[in-house]
Amino acid sequence: MLSLEQTEKGKKMQVAQLHTQTNIHRTAQIHPTSVVSATARIAANVKIGPFCVIGDNVELAENVELKSHVVVDGEHGGAYIGAGTKVYPFAVIGMISQDMKYYHSEEATGLTIGKNNIIREHVTIHMGTPASNGTVVGNNNLFMVGVHIAHDCKVGNNIYIANNTPLAGEVEIDDFAIIGGNSAIQQFVKIGKYAFVGGMTAVDQDILPYSRAIGARPATWEGLNVIGLRRKGFTGGQIETINEAYRILFSDLLLVKRIEALEVLAKDAPEVQIVLNAVKDRSKHSFAIPRKK
């Protein structure tokens, strides 16, 4: 049996051997129980805690921190995690998708995660497929415990997704959206800027920018996310203009007439242009509408 002194010496030798690889920066801190592929690229001041596995074709940018028991794999398509991102125990990042068309395929299109994200315990984020240019996550997001981001999702910046919320394949979420816990987002759905989805909501239609949506299937439009907009610095005048846009959108006019009216309103209101763009670029599921009275 090895003595404690011999064991510690072996650990130091293992770390020293890792740092002789030219693709691992000399300032990176890698726990000796972690496994790092020879093809992985580890930047300055990265911290890799105990029992992590870093696979082939993975790149960790400056100041990334993997707490412990994290798996990052980029074997098919490559995986990139941006600077300052923190990943908590038992998160699994970069595995191939669960899309059965490509389940046994090596045709993955990669995963890109931006800067300063917080990825909590048991989060899973999968590779893209040939259906798109890969799964993409932006900057400054918080993914709470148990969030799943499926293949080919496009997740923007400053987004909060609460516990146990799955995003199905090819979902798009725009900046500053908030999604409550135990919600479920159907494939291809789009969630707009500053939208708020209440907890335990089944989202099977687009949620338009600035909106609130709650409820079992189908989710219904429940007005503007007024509290969220005020917190982000929207003025009373801007909020009233957005309200006017939605009064037009949900009126009894023909859709073509509603869009024409929104185009007029949007000329002097860039926030209305965002709503208009979301309506024109809606997914095949269309978008959530107010509850019928």
Protein backbone atom coordinates (compact mmCIF):
# COMPACT_ATOMS: atom_id res chain seq x y z
CA MET A 1 0.00 0.00 0.00
CA LEU A 2 1.30 3.47 -0.90
CA SER A 3 2.06 5.81 1.94
CA LEU A 4 0.31 9.19 2.16
CA GLU A 5 3.56 10.86 1.12
CA GLN A 6 3.86 8.62 -1.96
CA THR A 7 0.22 9.25 -2.91
CA GLU A 8 0.62 13.03 -2.69
CA LYS A 9 3.83 12.82 -4.72
CA GLY A 10 2.00 10.85 -7.42
CA LYS A 11 -0.76 13.46 -7.56
CA LYS A 12 1.76 16.27 -7.97
CA MET A 13 3.51 14.35 -10.76
CA GLN A 14 0.16 13.85 -12.54
CA VAL A 15 -0.62 17.57 -12.37
CA ALA A 16 2.90 18.41 -13.55
CA GLN A 17 2.50 16.06 -16.53
CA LEU A 18 -0.79 17.73 -17.47
CA HIS A 19 0.83 21.15 -17.45
CA THR A 20 3.53 20.03 -19.86
CA GLN A 21 0.80 19.81 -22.54
CA THR A 22 1.02 22.95 -24.67
CA ASN A 23 -2.78 23.16 -24.85
CA ILE A 24 -3.13 23.62 -21.06
CA HIS A 25 -2.14 27.03 -19.71
CA ARG A 26 0.40 26.97 -16.90
CA THR A 27 -1.96 28.90 -14.57
CA ALA A 28 -4.81 26.38 -14.90
CA GLN A 29 -5.65 24.48 -11.71
CA ILE A 30 -6.64 20.86 -12.37
CA HIS A 31 -7.48 18.50 -9.54
CA PRO A 32 -5.49 15.24 -9.82
CA THR A 33 -8.66 13.13 -9.78
CA SER A 34 -9.94 14.78 -12.97
CA VAL A 35 -9.36 13.42 -16.47
CA VAL A 36 -8.47 15.84 -19.26
CA SER A 37 -8.19 14.79 -22.91
CA ALA A 38 -4.95 15.47 -24.71
CA THR A 39 -6.94 17.41 -27.34
CA ALA A 40 -8.72 19.68 -24.82
CA ARG A 41 -7.65 23.34 -24.70
CA ILE A 42 -7.55 24.84 -21.22
CA ALA A 43 -6.97 28.62 -20.93
CA ALA A 44 -5.48 30.76 -18.19
CA ASN A 45 -6.82 30.55 -14.64
CA VAL A 46 -9.28 27.76 -15.37
CA LYS A 47 -10.20 25.75 -12.28
CA ILE A 48 -11.18 22.10 -12.70
CA GLY A 49 -12.30 20.53 -9.44
CA PRO A 50 -12.36 16.88 -8.37
CA PHE A 51 -13.66 14.04 -10.53
CA CYS A 52 -14.35 16.02 -13.70
CA VAL A 53 -14.02 14.52 -17.19
CA ILE A 54 -12.99 16.81 -20.06
CA GLY A 55 -13.28 15.01 -23.38
CA ASP A 56 -11.90 15.52 -26.86
CA ASN A 57 -12.31 18.81 -28.75
CA VAL A 58 -13.29 20.81 -25.67
CA GLU A 59 -12.14 24.39 -25.12
CA LEU A 60 -12.44 26.12 -21.75
CA ALA A 61 -11.78 29.87 -21.91
CA GLU A 62 -10.17 32.03 -19.23
CA ASN A 63 -11.47 31.78 -15.67
CA VAL A 64 -13.95 28.97 -16.34
CA GLU A 65 -14.61 27.02 -13.16
CA LEU A 66 -15.87 23.44 -12.99
CA LYS A 67 -16.74 22.80 -9.35
CA SER A 68 -16.59 18.97 -9.31
CA HIS A 69 -18.07 15.88 -11.04
CA VAL A 70 -18.66 17.82 -14.29
CA VAL A 71 -18.55 16.14 -17.71
CA VAL A 72 -17.78 18.22 -20.80
CA ASP A 73 -17.55 16.36 -24.10
CA GLY A 74 -16.81 17.70 -27.56
CA GLU A 75 -15.94 14.51 -29.42
CA HIS A 76 -18.52 15.11 -32.13
CA GLY A 77 -18.58 18.74 -33.22
CA GLY A 78 -16.59 20.40 -30.45
CA ALA A 79 -17.65 22.17 -27.26
CA TYR A 80 -16.64 25.67 -26.18
CA ILE A 81 -17.32 27.26 -22.76
CA GLY A 82 -16.74 31.00 -22.56
CA ALA A 83 -14.73 32.99 -20.03
CA GLY A 84 -15.91 33.22 -16.44
CA THR A 85 -18.60 30.57 -16.72
CA LYS A 86 -19.14 28.48 -13.58
CA VAL A 87 -20.41 24.90 -13.80
CA TYR A 88 -21.68 23.05 -10.74
CA PRO A 89 -21.55 19.35 -9.82
CA PHE A 90 -23.10 16.67 -12.02
CA ALA A 91 -23.74 18.94 -14.98
CA VAL A 92 -23.21 17.18 -18.33
CA ILE A 93 -22.33 19.39 -21.28
CA GLY A 94 -21.75 18.54 -24.94
CA MET A 95 -23.14 15.03 -25.30
CA ILE A 96 -24.76 14.11 -28.62
CA SER A 97 -28.43 14.92 -29.00
CA GLN A 98 -31.39 12.70 -28.19
CA ASP A 99 -32.90 13.41 -31.62
CA MET A 100 -33.44 9.88 -32.90
CA LYS A 101 -32.65 10.89 -36.48
CA TYR A 102 -29.07 11.49 -35.39
CA TYR A 103 -28.87 9.41 -32.21
CA HIS A 104 -26.25 7.03 -33.60
CA SER A 105 -24.70 9.61 -35.89
CA GLU A 106 -21.40 11.42 -35.58
CA GLU A 107 -22.79 14.36 -37.58
CA ALA A 108 -22.96 16.71 -34.60
CA THR A 109 -22.54 20.44 -35.20
CA GLY A 110 -21.11 21.48 -31.88
CA LEU A 111 -21.96 23.51 -28.82
CA THR A 112 -20.95 27.09 -27.99
CA ILE A 113 -21.53 28.60 -24.54
CA GLY A 114 -20.71 32.25 -23.95
CA LYS A 115 -19.26 34.21 -21.02
CA ASN A 116 -20.18 34.45 -17.35
CA ASN A 117 -22.93 31.87 -17.29
CA ILE A 118 -23.94 30.03 -14.12
CA ILE A 119 -24.79 26.40 -14.83
CA ARG A 120 -26.10 24.71 -11.71
CA GLU A 121 -26.28 21.06 -10.63
CA HIS A 122 -27.58 18.38 -13.00
CA VAL A 123 -27.98 20.74 -15.97
CA THR A 124 -27.63 19.03 -19.36
CA ILE A 125 -26.78 20.86 -22.60
CA HIS A 126 -26.56 18.83 -25.82
CA MET A 127 -24.71 19.18 -29.11
CA GLY A 128 -26.35 20.49 -32.24
CA THR A 129 -27.32 18.34 -35.21
CA PRO A 130 -27.08 18.91 -38.99
CA ALA A 131 -30.43 20.70 -38.66
CA SER A 132 -28.52 23.86 -37.67
CA ASN A 133 -25.07 25.29 -37.03
CA GLY A 134 -25.07 23.93 -33.48
CA THR A 135 -26.46 24.61 -30.03
CA VAL A 136 -25.67 28.17 -28.95
CA VAL A 137 -25.90 29.75 -25.50
CA GLY A 138 -25.10 33.43 -24.98
CA ASN A 139 -23.71 35.36 -21.99
CA ASN A 140 -24.70 36.04 -18.37
CA ASN A 141 -27.38 33.38 -18.11
CA LEU A 142 -28.51 31.43 -15.04
CA PHE A 143 -29.62 27.84 -15.54
CA MET A 144 -30.89 26.45 -12.26
CA VAL A 145 -30.84 22.83 -11.07
CA GLY A 146 -32.06 20.26 -13.59
CA VAL A 147 -32.48 22.49 -16.65
CA HIS A 148 -32.15 20.65 -19.98
CA ILE A 149 -31.16 22.48 -23.18
CA ALA A 150 -31.64 20.17 -26.15
CA HIS A 151 -30.00 20.05 -29.56
CA ASP A 152 -29.91 23.14 -31.76
CA CYS A 153 -31.42 25.49 -29.19
CA LYS A 154 -30.51 29.17 -29.46
CA VAL A 155 -30.45 30.80 -26.02
CA GLY A 156 -29.60 34.50 -25.82
CA ASN A 157 -28.19 36.67 -23.01
CA ASN A 158 -29.23 37.54 -19.43
CA ILE A 159 -31.82 34.77 -19.28
CA TYR A 160 -32.99 32.99 -16.11
CA ILE A 161 -34.38 29.46 -16.40
CA ALA A 162 -35.56 27.97 -13.11
CA ASN A 163 -35.35 24.41 -11.82
CA ASN A 164 -36.33 21.31 -13.78
CA THR A 165 -37.28 23.10 -16.99
CA PRO A 166 -36.57 21.25 -20.26
CA LEU A 167 -36.14 23.00 -23.59
CA ALA A 168 -36.90 20.66 -26.49
CA GLY A 169 -34.94 20.76 -29.73
CA GLU A 170 -34.54 23.98 -31.76
CA VAL A 171 -36.17 26.24 -29.17
CA GLU A 172 -35.16 29.92 -29.36
CA ILE A 173 -35.11 32.19 -26.30
CA ASP A 174 -34.30 35.88 -26.69
CA ASP A 175 -32.52 38.18 -24.23
CA PHE A 176 -33.76 38.91 -20.69
CA ALA A 177 -36.48 36.23 -20.71
CA ILE A 178 -37.38 34.50 -17.42
CA ILE A 179 -38.84 30.99 -17.30
CA GLY A 180 -40.35 29.65 -14.09
CA GLY A 181 -39.58 26.25 -12.63
CA ASN A 182 -41.06 22.96 -13.84
CA SER A 183 -42.19 24.51 -17.10
CA ALA A 184 -41.77 22.63 -20.38
CA ILE A 185 -40.94 24.23 -23.73
CA GLN A 186 -42.05 22.38 -26.88
CA GLN A 187 -39.71 21.98 -29.85
CA PHE A 188 -39.36 24.91 -32.27
CA VAL A 189 -41.07 27.37 -29.89
CA LYS A 190 -39.70 30.93 -29.69
CA ILE A 191 -39.75 33.02 -26.52
CA GLY A 192 -39.25 36.74 -27.05
CA LYS A 193 -37.21 39.44 -25.33
CA TYR A 194 -38.22 40.32 -21.75
CA ALA A 195 -40.91 37.62 -21.75
CA PHE A 196 -41.92 35.98 -18.46
CA VAL A 197 -43.19 32.39 -18.28
CA GLY A 198 -44.79 31.42 -14.98
CA GLY A 199 -43.86 28.20 -13.20
CA MET A 200 -45.35 24.88 -14.34
CA THR A 201 -46.40 26.30 -17.70
CA ALA A 202 -46.68 24.09 -20.78
CA VAL A 203 -45.33 26.30 -23.57
CA ASP A 204 -46.49 24.92 -26.91
CA GLN A 205 -46.77 28.26 -28.76
CA ASP A 206 -44.46 31.24 -29.13
CA ILE A 207 -44.41 33.74 -26.28
CA LEU A 208 -44.10 37.20 -27.81
CA PRO A 209 -41.69 39.88 -26.49
CA TYR A 210 -42.54 41.66 -23.21
CA SER A 211 -45.37 39.19 -22.51
CA ARG A 212 -46.40 37.09 -19.51
CA ALA A 213 -47.66 33.55 -20.07
CA ILE A 214 -48.96 31.02 -17.57
CA GLY A 215 -51.03 27.86 -17.40
CA ALA A 216 -51.42 24.33 -18.57
CA ARG A 217 -51.56 23.56 -22.28
CA PRO A 218 -52.14 25.74 -24.10
CA ALA A 219 -50.33 28.54 -22.30
CA THR A 220 -52.20 31.83 -22.50
CA TRP A 221 -51.06 35.44 -22.91
CA GLU A 222 -51.62 37.19 -19.58
CA GLY A 223 -50.57 40.75 -20.37
CA LEU A 224 -47.21 42.48 -20.26
CA ASN A 225 -44.32 41.60 -17.98
CA VAL A 226 -44.70 45.06 -16.43
CA ILE A 227 -42.63 44.42 -13.31
CA GLY A 228 -39.77 43.01 -15.37
CA LEU A 229 -39.89 45.91 -17.81
CA ARG A 230 -39.81 48.49 -15.01
CA ARG A 231 -36.84 46.72 -13.44
CA LYS A 232 -35.01 46.95 -16.76
CA GLY A 233 -35.61 50.68 -17.04
CA PHE A 234 -38.54 50.88 -19.46
CA THR A 235 -40.46 54.14 -19.03
CA GLY A 236 -44.20 54.38 -18.47
CA GLY A 237 -44.54 55.76 -22.00
CA GLN A 238 -42.68 52.82 -23.53
CA ILE A 239 -44.79 50.32 -21.60
CA GLU A 240 -48.00 52.03 -22.73
CA THR A 241 -46.78 51.94 -26.35
CA ILE A 242 -46.10 48.20 -26.07
CA ASN A 243 -49.57 47.77 -24.55
CA GLU A 244 -51.05 49.60 -27.53
CA ALA A 245 -49.19 47.25 -29.86
CA TYR A 246 -50.78 44.25 -28.20
CA ARG A 247 -54.24 45.84 -28.23
CA ILE A 248 -53.82 46.09 -31.99
CA LEU A 249 -52.40 42.58 -32.33
CA PHE A 250 -55.24 40.95 -30.40
CA SER A 251 -58.02 43.03 -31.99
CA ASP A 252 -60.69 41.64 -34.32
CA LEU A 253 -59.10 43.06 -37.48
CA LEU A 254 -57.73 40.78 -40.16
CA LEU A 255 -54.15 39.80 -39.40
CA VAL A 256 -52.83 41.66 -42.44
CA LYS A 257 -54.53 44.86 -41.17
CA ARG A 258 -53.14 44.33 -37.68
CA ILE A 259 -49.63 43.99 -39.08
CA GLU A 260 -50.07 47.15 -41.15
CA ALA A 261 -51.14 49.05 -38.03
CA LEU A 262 -48.15 47.71 -36.09
CA GLU A 263 -45.82 48.81 -38.87
CA VAL A 264 -47.12 52.37 -38.54
CA LEU A 265 -46.73 52.31 -34.74
CA ALA A 266 -43.23 50.82 -35.02
CA LYS A 267 -41.88 53.74 -37.07
CA ASP A 268 -41.41 55.79 -33.89
CA ALA A 269 -41.14 52.93 -31.40
CA PRO A 270 -38.26 50.42 -31.71
CA GLU A 271 -39.79 48.29 -28.94
CA VAL A 272 -42.85 47.75 -31.16
CA GLN A 273 -40.57 46.74 -34.03
CA ILE A 274 -39.33 43.88 -31.81
CA VAL A 275 -42.93 42.70 -31.34
CA LEU A 276 -43.62 43.03 -35.05
CA ASN A 277 -40.51 41.03 -35.95
CA ALA A 278 -41.55 38.25 -33.57
CA VAL A 279 -45.02 38.08 -35.11
CA LYS A 280 -43.64 37.93 -38.65
CA ASP A 281 -40.98 35.37 -37.70
CA ARG A 282 -43.26 33.21 -35.54
CA SER A 283 -42.71 29.46 -35.40
CA LYS A 284 -45.07 26.91 -36.90
CA HIS A 285 -46.84 26.80 -33.51
CA SER A 286 -47.92 30.47 -33.87
CA PHE A 287 -48.08 32.44 -30.59
CA ALA A 288 -49.96 32.44 -27.30
CA ILE A 289 -53.12 34.55 -27.22
CA PRO A 290 -55.29 35.91 -24.38
CA ARG A 291 -57.63 33.57 -22.55
CA LYS A 292 -61.09 33.44 -24.09
CA LYS A 293 -63.71 35.15 -21.91
